[in-house]
N, C-alpha and C. Protein backbone atom coordinates (compact mmCIF):
# COMPACT_ATOMS: atom_id res chain seq x y z
N MET A 1 98.48 35.97 210.60
CA MET A 1 97.68 35.44 209.50
C MET A 1 97.34 33.98 209.82
N GLU A 2 96.11 33.61 209.54
CA GLU A 2 95.64 32.24 209.81
C GLU A 2 96.13 31.29 208.72
N PRO A 3 96.25 29.99 209.04
CA PRO A 3 96.61 29.02 207.98
C PRO A 3 95.58 29.06 206.86
N GLY A 4 96.07 29.03 205.64
CA GLY A 4 95.19 29.07 204.48
C GLY A 4 94.90 30.47 203.99
N GLU A 5 95.37 31.49 204.70
CA GLU A 5 95.15 32.87 204.27
C GLU A 5 96.39 33.38 203.53
N THR A 6 96.18 34.37 202.68
CA THR A 6 97.28 34.98 201.95
C THR A 6 96.92 36.42 201.61
N ASP A 7 97.94 37.23 201.37
CA ASP A 7 97.72 38.60 200.94
C ASP A 7 97.37 38.65 199.46
N ALA A 8 97.87 37.66 198.70
CA ALA A 8 97.67 37.64 197.25
C ALA A 8 96.34 36.97 196.92
N PRO A 9 95.66 37.47 195.87
CA PRO A 9 94.43 36.78 195.46
C PRO A 9 94.78 35.42 194.87
N GLY A 10 93.91 34.49 195.04
CA GLY A 10 94.14 33.16 194.49
C GLY A 10 93.22 32.16 195.16
N LEU A 11 93.23 30.97 194.66
CA LEU A 11 92.42 29.91 195.22
C LEU A 11 93.31 28.95 195.98
N PHE A 12 92.70 28.20 196.86
CA PHE A 12 93.44 27.24 197.66
C PHE A 12 92.98 25.83 197.32
N ILE A 13 93.93 25.00 197.05
CA ILE A 13 93.64 23.59 196.86
C ILE A 13 94.54 22.83 197.81
N TYR A 14 93.93 22.12 198.73
CA TYR A 14 94.66 21.39 199.75
C TYR A 14 95.57 22.32 200.55
N GLY A 15 95.10 23.54 200.81
CA GLY A 15 95.84 24.46 201.66
C GLY A 15 96.90 25.28 200.95
N ASP A 16 97.18 24.99 199.69
CA ASP A 16 98.21 25.73 198.97
C ASP A 16 97.56 26.81 198.12
N PRO A 17 98.05 28.07 198.23
CA PRO A 17 97.49 29.12 197.36
C PRO A 17 97.88 28.87 195.91
N MET A 18 96.94 29.06 195.01
CA MET A 18 97.20 28.86 193.59
C MET A 18 96.75 30.09 192.82
N THR A 19 97.52 30.45 191.82
CA THR A 19 97.12 31.55 190.96
C THR A 19 96.16 31.02 189.90
N ALA A 20 95.51 31.94 189.22
CA ALA A 20 94.59 31.55 188.15
C ALA A 20 95.33 30.78 187.06
N GLN A 21 96.56 31.17 186.75
CA GLN A 21 97.34 30.48 185.72
C GLN A 21 97.67 29.06 186.15
N GLN A 22 98.02 28.87 187.41
CA GLN A 22 98.31 27.53 187.90
C GLN A 22 97.08 26.63 187.83
N ILE A 23 95.94 27.19 188.15
CA ILE A 23 94.69 26.44 188.08
C ILE A 23 94.38 26.07 186.64
N THR A 24 94.54 27.03 185.73
CA THR A 24 94.31 26.77 184.30
C THR A 24 95.25 25.69 183.79
N ASP A 25 96.51 25.73 184.21
CA ASP A 25 97.47 24.71 183.80
C ASP A 25 97.07 23.33 184.30
N LYS A 26 96.61 23.25 185.56
CA LYS A 26 96.18 21.96 186.11
C LYS A 26 94.96 21.43 185.36
N ILE A 27 94.01 22.32 185.06
CA ILE A 27 92.82 21.91 184.31
C ILE A 27 93.21 21.36 182.95
N GLN A 28 94.13 22.03 182.26
CA GLN A 28 94.57 21.57 180.93
C GLN A 28 95.23 20.21 181.02
N LYS A 29 96.06 20.00 182.04
CA LYS A 29 96.71 18.69 182.21
C LYS A 29 95.67 17.60 182.46
N LEU A 30 94.65 17.90 183.26
CA LEU A 30 93.60 16.93 183.53
C LEU A 30 92.77 16.65 182.28
N ARG A 31 92.50 17.68 181.47
CA ARG A 31 91.78 17.48 180.21
C ARG A 31 92.57 16.59 179.27
N ASP A 32 93.88 16.84 179.20
CA ASP A 32 94.74 16.01 178.35
C ASP A 32 94.73 14.55 178.82
N LYS A 33 94.77 14.36 180.12
CA LYS A 33 94.74 13.01 180.68
C LYS A 33 93.41 12.32 180.38
N LEU A 34 92.31 13.07 180.49
CA LEU A 34 91.00 12.52 180.17
C LEU A 34 90.90 12.13 178.70
N ARG A 35 91.40 12.99 177.81
CA ARG A 35 91.39 12.66 176.37
C ARG A 35 92.17 11.38 176.09
N LYS A 36 93.30 11.21 176.77
CA LYS A 36 94.11 10.00 176.57
C LYS A 36 93.33 8.77 177.04
N ILE A 37 92.69 8.87 178.19
CA ILE A 37 91.89 7.76 178.71
C ILE A 37 90.76 7.43 177.73
N GLN A 38 90.08 8.47 177.22
CA GLN A 38 88.98 8.26 176.29
C GLN A 38 89.46 7.63 174.99
N LYS A 39 90.64 8.03 174.53
CA LYS A 39 91.18 7.48 173.28
C LYS A 39 91.53 6.01 173.43
N GLU A 40 92.02 5.61 174.61
CA GLU A 40 92.44 4.24 174.85
C GLU A 40 91.28 3.32 175.26
N CYS A 41 90.18 3.91 175.70
CA CYS A 41 89.04 3.11 176.18
C CYS A 41 88.37 2.39 175.01
N LYS A 42 88.01 1.14 175.24
CA LYS A 42 87.30 0.34 174.22
C LYS A 42 85.79 0.47 174.37
N HIS A 43 85.32 1.24 175.34
CA HIS A 43 83.90 1.49 175.58
C HIS A 43 83.07 0.21 175.74
N PRO A 44 83.51 -0.69 176.63
CA PRO A 44 82.79 -1.96 176.76
C PRO A 44 81.38 -1.80 177.34
N ASN A 45 81.14 -0.74 178.05
CA ASN A 45 79.83 -0.54 178.69
C ASN A 45 79.07 0.63 178.08
N ALA A 46 79.39 0.98 176.84
CA ALA A 46 78.75 2.12 176.18
C ALA A 46 77.23 1.93 176.12
N VAL A 47 76.53 3.02 176.29
CA VAL A 47 75.07 3.00 176.33
C VAL A 47 74.52 3.95 175.27
N ASN A 48 73.58 3.45 174.47
CA ASN A 48 72.87 4.30 173.51
C ASN A 48 71.77 5.00 174.30
N TYR A 49 71.96 6.30 174.55
CA TYR A 49 71.01 7.01 175.41
C TYR A 49 70.00 7.84 174.64
N ASP A 50 70.15 7.96 173.33
CA ASP A 50 69.17 8.74 172.57
C ASP A 50 69.29 8.39 171.09
N THR A 51 68.19 8.47 170.39
CA THR A 51 68.16 8.29 168.95
C THR A 51 67.31 9.41 168.37
N ARG A 52 67.86 10.11 167.41
CA ARG A 52 67.11 11.21 166.78
C ARG A 52 67.17 11.04 165.27
N CYS A 53 66.06 11.35 164.64
CA CYS A 53 65.98 11.22 163.18
C CYS A 53 65.58 12.55 162.55
N ASP A 54 66.06 12.74 161.34
CA ASP A 54 65.73 13.93 160.57
C ASP A 54 65.06 13.45 159.28
N HIS A 55 63.73 13.55 159.24
CA HIS A 55 62.97 13.12 158.05
C HIS A 55 62.29 14.31 157.38
N GLY A 56 62.77 15.51 157.65
CA GLY A 56 62.12 16.70 157.13
C GLY A 56 62.70 17.21 155.82
N ASN A 57 63.56 16.45 155.20
CA ASN A 57 64.19 16.89 153.97
C ASN A 57 63.26 16.67 152.77
N TYR A 58 63.35 17.54 151.78
CA TYR A 58 62.54 17.37 150.57
C TYR A 58 63.01 16.14 149.78
N ASP A 59 64.26 15.77 149.97
CA ASP A 59 64.83 14.61 149.28
C ASP A 59 64.92 13.45 150.28
N PRO A 60 64.06 12.44 150.16
CA PRO A 60 64.05 11.33 151.12
C PRO A 60 65.39 10.61 151.23
N SER A 61 66.23 10.68 150.20
CA SER A 61 67.53 10.01 150.28
C SER A 61 68.45 10.70 151.29
N GLN A 62 68.09 11.91 151.71
CA GLN A 62 68.89 12.65 152.69
C GLN A 62 68.43 12.43 154.13
N ASP A 63 67.33 11.69 154.30
CA ASP A 63 66.85 11.40 155.65
C ASP A 63 67.89 10.57 156.40
N CYS A 64 68.04 10.83 157.67
CA CYS A 64 69.02 10.08 158.45
C CYS A 64 68.63 10.06 159.93
N CYS A 65 69.24 9.15 160.65
CA CYS A 65 69.06 9.04 162.09
C CYS A 65 70.42 9.04 162.76
N PHE A 66 70.46 9.51 163.97
CA PHE A 66 71.69 9.55 164.74
C PHE A 66 71.50 8.80 166.04
N LEU A 67 72.47 7.98 166.38
CA LEU A 67 72.51 7.31 167.66
C LEU A 67 73.48 8.08 168.55
N TYR A 68 73.05 8.43 169.73
CA TYR A 68 73.89 9.14 170.68
C TYR A 68 74.38 8.16 171.73
N TRP A 69 75.69 8.09 171.92
CA TRP A 69 76.32 7.12 172.81
C TRP A 69 77.07 7.83 173.93
N LYS A 70 77.18 7.15 175.06
CA LYS A 70 78.06 7.61 176.13
C LYS A 70 78.68 6.40 176.80
N CYS A 71 79.89 6.59 177.27
CA CYS A 71 80.62 5.53 177.94
C CYS A 71 80.75 5.90 179.42
N PRO A 72 80.19 5.11 180.32
CA PRO A 72 80.28 5.43 181.75
C PRO A 72 81.69 5.22 182.31
N ASP A 73 82.54 4.50 181.59
CA ASP A 73 83.89 4.24 182.07
C ASP A 73 84.83 5.43 181.86
N CYS A 74 84.73 6.06 180.68
CA CYS A 74 85.65 7.17 180.37
C CYS A 74 84.93 8.50 180.16
N LEU A 75 83.61 8.50 180.26
CA LEU A 75 82.77 9.71 180.11
C LEU A 75 82.76 10.28 178.70
N ASP A 76 83.17 9.50 177.71
CA ASP A 76 83.17 9.97 176.33
C ASP A 76 81.75 9.99 175.77
N LEU A 77 81.47 10.93 174.90
CA LEU A 77 80.19 11.06 174.21
C LEU A 77 80.46 11.10 172.71
N TRP A 78 79.61 10.43 171.92
CA TRP A 78 79.77 10.47 170.46
C TRP A 78 78.46 10.12 169.78
N THR A 79 78.40 10.41 168.49
CA THR A 79 77.21 10.09 167.70
C THR A 79 77.62 9.21 166.53
N GLU A 80 76.66 8.41 166.07
CA GLU A 80 76.84 7.60 164.88
C GLU A 80 75.62 7.82 163.99
N GLU A 81 75.88 8.03 162.73
CA GLU A 81 74.78 8.22 161.79
C GLU A 81 74.34 6.88 161.25
N THR A 82 73.02 6.70 161.15
CA THR A 82 72.46 5.49 160.54
C THR A 82 71.54 5.91 159.40
N ARG A 83 71.29 5.03 158.51
CA ARG A 83 70.38 5.33 157.39
C ARG A 83 69.23 4.39 157.41
């Protein structure tokens, strides 16, 4: 058998065979780490990349606009409503 080959199905990361469950576990740990980074980030370089407004309501007091933001440092995305 050649290096990197196995009889069992699975993926290889850095030459080690991994099961689907191991891959899923690693992905979850990385997602948790990303959420922690995003929660702690102060978004100093946040960019407003889109603005959308909804003025189609019969009641003008319900009209609103949304600012769409993204942070290039932590990859977080969020919206803020404006009136």
